[in-house]
Every structure is written in structure tokens, then in C-alpha cells.
Amino acid sequence: MNNEDTKVRVALGYTLNLGNFQSLRIDLEVSDNKREGENTNDAFERVYKFVEDKLADKVKEASAEVEAK
């Protein structure tokens, strides 16, 4: 099996409570190929960290927008 055949996919989500029985759901999913010199676990950890960091950024942005209103 070569690197082009090995893919990892990570999907994470977060539900932000807006109050008054309203919420905002943020979902992010990324799929990527295993890179040269990487094993599958390394590829998963790389993609997971990327998704986790991006989701945290988007949650912070959304929270700031909600608080500004």
C-alpha cells in the first residue's frame, strides 16, 4: 500500500449555547493522505491537531461575535 492509498479523516464539532434555547453548531472535517515518511498514527495526529486548532479558533470567533451583540 502506498501513501496515496492511506487516508486519514478527522471530524470534530462543538455546540455553542447562545441562551434563550438557541445554539450554534460548528463542525469541521478534514481528510488528508499519509505523507512520505509518516506512519498512519503520525498522519492521524497531524490532521487531528489541525482540525482541533481550527475548530478552537472558529469557536472563539463565534463566541466573540455572540458576546458583541
PDB file of N, CA and C in Angstrom:
ATOM      1  N   MET A   1       0.849  -1.177   0.000  1.00  0.00           N
ATOM      2  CA  MET A   1       0.000   0.000   0.000  1.00  0.00           C
ATOM      3  C   MET A   1       0.892   1.238   0.000  1.00  0.00           C
ATOM      4  N   ASN A   2       0.661   2.138  -0.922  1.00  0.00           N
ATOM      5  CA  ASN A   2       1.477   3.344  -0.943  1.00  0.00           C
ATOM      6  C   ASN A   2       0.746   4.489  -0.247  1.00  0.00           C
ATOM      7  N   ASN A   3       1.451   5.605  -0.082  1.00  0.00           N
ATOM      8  CA  ASN A   3       0.905   6.723   0.685  1.00  0.00           C
ATOM      9  C   ASN A   3      -0.376   7.297   0.103  1.00  0.00           C
ATOM     10  N   GLU A   4      -0.529   7.248  -1.216  1.00  0.00           N
ATOM     11  CA  GLU A   4      -1.736   7.804  -1.822  1.00  0.00           C
ATOM     12  C   GLU A   4      -2.973   6.998  -1.433  1.00  0.00           C
ATOM     13  N   ASP A   5      -2.778   5.730  -1.064  1.00  0.00           N
ATOM     14  CA  ASP A   5      -3.901   4.869  -0.703  1.00  0.00           C
ATOM     15  C   ASP A   5      -4.318   5.021   0.755  1.00  0.00           C
ATOM     16  N   THR A   6      -3.444   5.550   1.586  1.00  0.00           N
ATOM     17  CA  THR A   6      -3.747   5.672   3.008  1.00  0.00           C
ATOM     18  C   THR A   6      -4.229   7.079   3.306  1.00  0.00           C
ATOM     19  N   LYS A   7      -5.478   7.168   3.721  1.00  0.00           N
ATOM     20  CA  LYS A   7      -6.066   8.463   4.059  1.00  0.00           C
ATOM     21  C   LYS A   7      -6.476   8.454   5.518  1.00  0.00           C
ATOM     22  N   VAL A   8      -6.414   9.616   6.120  1.00  0.00           N
ATOM     23  CA  VAL A   8      -6.955   9.789   7.462  1.00  0.00           C
ATOM     24  C   VAL A   8      -7.987  10.905   7.397  1.00  0.00           C
ATOM     25  N   ARG A   9      -9.032  10.743   8.198  1.00  0.00           N
ATOM     26  CA  ARG A   9     -10.092  11.753   8.225  1.00  0.00           C
ATOM     27  C   ARG A   9     -10.452  12.009   9.681  1.00  0.00           C
ATOM     28  N   VAL A  10     -10.567  13.284  10.013  1.00  0.00           N
ATOM     29  CA  VAL A  10     -10.934  13.680  11.365  1.00  0.00           C
ATOM     30  C   VAL A  10     -12.092  14.656  11.266  1.00  0.00           C
ATOM     31  N   ALA A  11     -13.124  14.414  12.060  1.00  0.00           N
ATOM     32  CA  ALA A  11     -14.277  15.310  12.136  1.00  0.00           C
ATOM     33  C   ALA A  11     -14.534  15.625  13.604  1.00  0.00           C
ATOM     34  N   LEU A  12     -14.614  16.903  13.913  1.00  0.00           N
ATOM     35  CA  LEU A  12     -14.918  17.351  15.265  1.00  0.00           C
ATOM     36  C   LEU A  12     -16.011  18.406  15.191  1.00  0.00           C
ATOM     37  N   GLY A  13     -16.737  18.549  16.263  1.00  0.00           N
ATOM     38  CA  GLY A  13     -17.785  19.559  16.301  1.00  0.00           C
ATOM     39  C   GLY A  13     -17.938  20.127  17.697  1.00  0.00           C
ATOM     40  N   TYR A  14     -18.599  21.273  17.757  1.00  0.00           N
ATOM     41  CA  TYR A  14     -18.831  21.947  19.029  1.00  0.00           C
ATOM     42  C   TYR A  14     -20.168  22.663  18.947  1.00  0.00           C
ATOM     43  N   THR A  15     -20.948  22.550  20.006  1.00  0.00           N
ATOM     44  CA  THR A  15     -22.218  23.259  20.078  1.00  0.00           C
ATOM     45  C   THR A  15     -22.081  24.386  21.089  1.00  0.00           C
ATOM     46  N   LEU A  16     -22.297  25.603  20.621  1.00  0.00           N
ATOM     47  CA  LEU A  16     -22.184  26.802  21.445  1.00  0.00           C
ATOM     48  C   LEU A  16     -23.584  27.215  21.884  1.00  0.00           C
ATOM     49  N   ASN A  17     -23.808  27.255  23.187  1.00  0.00           N
ATOM     50  CA  ASN A  17     -25.100  27.667  23.725  1.00  0.00           C
ATOM     51  C   ASN A  17     -25.215  29.186  23.615  1.00  0.00           C
ATOM     52  N   LEU A  18     -26.233  29.651  22.897  1.00  0.00           N
ATOM     53  CA  LEU A  18     -26.443  31.081  22.713  1.00  0.00           C
ATOM     54  C   LEU A  18     -27.422  31.649  23.736  1.00  0.00           C
ATOM     55  N   GLY A  19     -27.998  30.797  24.544  1.00  0.00           N
ATOM     56  CA  GLY A  19     -29.007  31.236  25.502  1.00  0.00           C
ATOM     57  C   GLY A  19     -30.367  31.284  24.838  1.00  0.00           C
ATOM     58  N   ASN A  20     -31.396  31.477  25.638  1.00  0.00           N
ATOM     59  CA  ASN A  20     -32.764  31.591  25.125  1.00  0.00           C
ATOM     60  C   ASN A  20     -33.124  30.408  24.221  1.00  0.00           C
ATOM     61  N   PHE A  21     -32.680  29.215  24.602  1.00  0.00           N
ATOM     62  CA  PHE A  21     -32.974  27.967  23.877  1.00  0.00           C
ATOM     63  C   PHE A  21     -32.450  27.961  22.438  1.00  0.00           C
ATOM     64  N   GLN A  22     -31.379  28.684  22.200  1.00  0.00           N
ATOM     65  CA  GLN A  22     -30.753  28.706  20.880  1.00  0.00           C
ATOM     66  C   GLN A  22     -29.309  28.227  21.000  1.00  0.00           C
ATOM     67  N   SER A  23     -28.824  27.635  19.923  1.00  0.00           N
ATOM     68  CA  SER A  23     -27.434  27.183  19.905  1.00  0.00           C
ATOM     69  C   SER A  23     -26.879  27.299  18.491  1.00  0.00           C
ATOM     70  N   LEU A  24     -25.565  27.287  18.418  1.00  0.00           N
ATOM     71  CA  LEU A  24     -24.851  27.336  17.141  1.00  0.00           C
ATOM     72  C   LEU A  24     -23.939  26.123  17.089  1.00  0.00           C
ATOM     73  N   ARG A  25     -24.058  25.335  16.042  1.00  0.00           N
ATOM     74  CA  ARG A  25     -23.231  24.135  15.878  1.00  0.00           C
ATOM     75  C   ARG A  25     -22.143  24.433  14.858  1.00  0.00           C
ATOM     76  N   ILE A  26     -20.899  24.147  15.230  1.00  0.00           N
ATOM     77  CA  ILE A  26     -19.754  24.315  14.338  1.00  0.00           C
ATOM     78  C   ILE A  26     -19.128  22.939  14.138  1.00  0.00           C
ATOM     79  N   ASP A  27     -19.065  22.484  12.897  1.00  0.00           N
ATOM     80  CA  ASP A  27     -18.448  21.201  12.561  1.00  0.00           C
ATOM     81  C   ASP A  27     -17.328  21.435  11.562  1.00  0.00           C
ATOM     82  N   LEU A  28     -16.255  20.706  11.721  1.00  0.00           N
ATOM     83  CA  LEU A  28     -15.118  20.807  10.817  1.00  0.00           C
ATOM     84  C   LEU A  28     -14.592  19.402  10.556  1.00  0.00           C
ATOM     85  N   GLU A  29     -14.369  19.103   9.284  1.00  0.00           N
ATOM     86  CA  GLU A  29     -13.843  17.791   8.899  1.00  0.00           C
ATOM     87  C   GLU A  29     -12.741  17.982   7.869  1.00  0.00           C
ATOM     88  N   VAL A  30     -11.644  17.262   8.052  1.00  0.00           N
ATOM     89  CA  VAL A  30     -10.521  17.315   7.122  1.00  0.00           C
ATOM     90  C   VAL A  30     -10.081  15.889   6.814  1.00  0.00           C
ATOM     91  N   SER A  31      -9.807  15.646   5.551  1.00  0.00           N
ATOM     92  CA  SER A  31      -9.281  14.367   5.093  1.00  0.00           C
ATOM     93  C   SER A  31      -7.967  14.644   4.372  1.00  0.00           C
ATOM     94  N   ASP A  32      -6.958  13.826   4.641  1.00  0.00           N
ATOM     95  CA  ASP A  32      -5.656  14.040   4.008  1.00  0.00           C
ATOM     96  C   ASP A  32      -4.967  12.693   3.812  1.00  0.00           C
ATOM     97  N   ASN A  33      -4.035  12.664   2.892  1.00  0.00           N
ATOM     98  CA  ASN A  33      -3.226  11.469   2.649  1.00  0.00           C
ATOM     99  C   ASN A  33      -2.076  11.399   3.643  1.00  0.00           C
ATOM    100  N   LYS A  34      -1.654  10.178   3.912  1.00  0.00           N
ATOM    101  CA  LYS A  34      -0.441   9.977   4.695  1.00  0.00           C
ATOM    102  C   LYS A  34       0.725  10.505   3.872  1.00  0.00           C
ATOM    103  N   ARG A  35       1.633  11.214   4.510  1.00  0.00           N
ATOM    104  CA  ARG A  35       2.770  11.808   3.808  1.00  0.00           C
ATOM    105  C   ARG A  35       3.985  10.889   3.847  1.00  0.00           C
ATOM    106  N   GLU A  36       4.900  11.175   2.961  1.00  0.00           N
ATOM    107  CA  GLU A  36       6.147  10.403   2.878  1.00  0.00           C
ATOM    108  C   GLU A  36       6.846  10.410   4.236  1.00  0.00           C
ATOM    109  N   GLY A  37       7.221   9.242   4.724  1.00  0.00           N
ATOM    110  CA  GLY A  37       7.924   9.131   5.995  1.00  0.00           C
ATOM    111  C   GLY A  37       7.014   9.100   7.214  1.00  0.00           C
ATOM    112  N   GLU A  38       5.720   9.249   7.023  1.00  0.00           N
ATOM    113  CA  GLU A  38       4.757   9.243   8.120  1.00  0.00           C
ATOM    114  C   GLU A  38       4.133   7.864   8.250  1.00  0.00           C
ATOM    115  N   ASN A  39       3.882   7.438   9.475  1.00  0.00           N
ATOM    116  CA  ASN A  39       3.044   6.259   9.635  1.00  0.00           C
ATOM    117  C   ASN A  39       1.601   6.741   9.817  1.00  0.00           C
ATOM    118  N   THR A  40       0.670   5.829   9.852  1.00  0.00           N
ATOM    119  CA  THR A  40      -0.741   6.211   9.911  1.00  0.00           C
ATOM    120  C   THR A  40      -1.062   6.971  11.188  1.00  0.00           C
ATOM    121  N   ASN A  41      -0.489   6.564  12.298  1.00  0.00           N
ATOM    122  CA  ASN A  41      -0.741   7.258  13.559  1.00  0.00           C
ATOM    123  C   ASN A  41      -0.229   8.692  13.514  1.00  0.00           C
ATOM    124  N   ASP A  42       0.967   8.892  12.953  1.00  0.00           N
ATOM    125  CA  ASP A  42       1.509  10.248  12.823  1.00  0.00           C
ATOM    126  C   ASP A  42       0.600  11.114  11.955  1.00  0.00           C
ATOM    127  N   ALA A  43       0.107  10.547  10.861  1.00  0.00           N
ATOM    128  CA  ALA A  43      -0.790  11.283   9.969  1.00  0.00           C
ATOM    129  C   ALA A  43      -2.074  11.658  10.698  1.00  0.00           C
ATOM    130  N   PHE A  44      -2.628  10.708  11.456  1.00  0.00           N
ATOM    131  CA  PHE A  44      -3.844  10.997  12.216  1.00  0.00           C
ATOM    132  C   PHE A  44      -3.607  12.123  13.215  1.00  0.00           C
ATOM    133  N   GLU A  45      -2.511  12.042  13.961  1.00  0.00           N
ATOM    134  CA  GLU A  45      -2.218  13.071  14.964  1.00  0.00           C
ATOM    135  C   GLU A  45      -2.041  14.441  14.314  1.00  0.00           C
ATOM    136  N   ARG A  46      -1.392  14.483  13.160  1.00  0.00           N
ATOM    137  CA  ARG A  46      -1.195  15.751  12.448  1.00  0.00           C
ATOM    138  C   ARG A  46      -2.536  16.350  12.035  1.00  0.00           C
ATOM    139  N   VAL A  47      -3.385  15.534  11.435  1.00  0.00           N
ATOM    140  CA  VAL A  47      -4.683  16.021  10.968  1.00  0.00           C
ATOM    141  C   VAL A  47      -5.574  16.373  12.157  1.00  0.00           C
ATOM    142  N   TYR A  48      -5.542  15.562  13.208  1.00  0.00           N
ATOM    143  CA  TYR A  48      -6.355  15.836  14.395  1.00  0.00           C
ATOM    144  C   TYR A  48      -5.979  17.181  15.005  1.00  0.00           C
ATOM    145  N   LYS A  49      -4.688  17.435  15.153  1.00  0.00           N
ATOM    146  CA  LYS A  49      -4.241  18.709  15.728  1.00  0.00           C
ATOM    147  C   LYS A  49      -4.690  19.878  14.867  1.00  0.00           C
ATOM    148  N   PHE A  50      -4.591  19.740  13.551  1.00  0.00           N
ATOM    149  CA  PHE A  50      -5.031  20.806  12.652  1.00  0.00           C
ATOM    150  C   PHE A  50      -6.517  21.088  12.851  1.00  0.00           C
ATOM    151  N   VAL A  51      -7.332  20.034  12.852  1.00  0.00           N
ATOM    152  CA  VAL A  51      -8.783  20.198  12.999  1.00  0.00           C
ATOM    153  C   VAL A  51      -9.112  20.775  14.374  1.00  0.00           C
ATOM    154  N   GLU A  52      -8.475  20.257  15.399  1.00  0.00           N
ATOM    155  CA  GLU A  52      -8.725  20.739  16.757  1.00  0.00           C
ATOM    156  C   GLU A  52      -8.385  22.223  16.888  1.00  0.00           C
ATOM    157  N   ASP A  53      -7.237  22.633  16.359  1.00  0.00           N
ATOM    158  CA  ASP A  53      -6.827  24.040  16.425  1.00  0.00           C
ATOM    159  C   ASP A  53      -7.773  24.940  15.640  1.00  0.00           C
ATOM    160  N   LYS A  54      -8.157  24.518  14.435  1.00  0.00           N
ATOM    161  CA  LYS A  54      -9.068  25.323  13.611  1.00  0.00           C
ATOM    162  C   LYS A  54     -10.440  25.435  14.259  1.00  0.00           C
ATOM    163  N   LEU A  55     -10.927  24.334  14.821  1.00  0.00           N
ATOM    164  CA  LEU A  55     -12.228  24.367  15.485  1.00  0.00           C
ATOM    165  C   LEU A  55     -12.181  25.308  16.686  1.00  0.00           C
ATOM    166  N   ALA A  56     -11.128  25.250  17.465  1.00  0.00           N
ATOM    167  CA  ALA A  56     -10.990  26.146  18.618  1.00  0.00           C
ATOM    168  C   ALA A  56     -10.987  27.603  18.168  1.00  0.00           C
ATOM    169  N   ASP A  57     -10.288  27.904  17.076  1.00  0.00           N
ATOM    170  CA  ASP A  57     -10.276  29.270  16.537  1.00  0.00           C
ATOM    171  C   ASP A  57     -11.677  29.717  16.145  1.00  0.00           C
ATOM    172  N   LYS A  58     -12.415  28.855  15.456  1.00  0.00           N
ATOM    173  CA  LYS A  58     -13.758  29.206  14.988  1.00  0.00           C
ATOM    174  C   LYS A  58     -14.732  29.358  16.155  1.00  0.00           C
ATOM    175  N   VAL A  59     -14.581  28.533  17.181  1.00  0.00           N
ATOM    176  CA  VAL A  59     -15.432  28.664  18.366  1.00  0.00           C
ATOM    177  C   VAL A  59     -15.154  29.996  19.059  1.00  0.00           C
ATOM    178  N   LYS A  60     -13.886  30.378  19.172  1.00  0.00           N
ATOM    179  CA  LYS A  60     -13.532  31.670  19.774  1.00  0.00           C
ATOM    180  C   LYS A  60     -14.115  32.821  18.965  1.00  0.00           C
ATOM    181  N   GLU A  61     -14.012  32.743  17.637  1.00  0.00           N
ATOM    182  CA  GLU A  61     -14.579  33.788  16.774  1.00  0.00           C
ATOM    183  C   GLU A  61     -16.084  33.902  16.972  1.00  0.00           C
ATOM    184  N   ALA A  62     -16.765  32.769  16.967  1.00  0.00           N
ATOM    185  CA  ALA A  62     -18.220  32.767  17.121  1.00  0.00           C
ATOM    186  C   ALA A  62     -18.612  33.289  18.499  1.00  0.00           C
ATOM    187  N   SER A  63     -17.887  32.889  19.531  1.00  0.00           N
ATOM    188  CA  SER A  63     -18.182  33.359  20.886  1.00  0.00           C
ATOM    189  C   SER A  63     -18.020  34.870  20.986  1.00  0.00           C
ATOM    190  N   ALA A  64     -16.965  35.392  20.371  1.00  0.00           N
ATOM    191  CA  ALA A  64     -16.733  36.838  20.391  1.00  0.00           C
ATOM    192  C   ALA A  64     -17.851  37.579  19.665  1.00  0.00           C
ATOM    193  N   GLU A  65     -18.312  37.044  18.545  1.00  0.00           N
ATOM    194  CA  GLU A  65     -19.408  37.676  17.808  1.00  0.00           C
ATOM    195  C   GLU A  65     -20.691  37.667  18.624  1.00  0.00           C
ATOM    196  N   VAL A  66     -20.960  36.564  19.298  1.00  0.00           N
ATOM    197  CA  VAL A  66     -22.176  36.459  20.116  1.00  0.00           C
ATOM    198  C   VAL A  66     -22.114  37.448  21.276  1.00  0.00           C
ATOM    199  N   GLU A  67     -20.969  37.538  21.926  1.00  0.00           N
ATOM    200  CA  GLU A  67     -20.819  38.453  23.058  1.00  0.00           C
ATOM    201  C   GLU A  67     -20.902  39.910  22.627  1.00  0.00           C
ATOM    202  N   ALA A  68     -20.504  40.215  21.394  1.00  0.00           N
ATOM    203  CA  ALA A  68     -20.528  41.593  20.892  1.00  0.00           C
ATOM    204  C   ALA A  68     -21.948  42.070  20.596  1.00  0.00           C
ATOM    205  N   LYS A  69     -22.888  41.144  20.475  1.00  0.00           N
ATOM    206  CA  LYS A  69     -24.265  41.528  20.132  1.00  0.00           C
ATOM    207  C   LYS A  69     -25.096  41.795  21.349  1.00  0.00           C
TER     208      LYS A  69
END
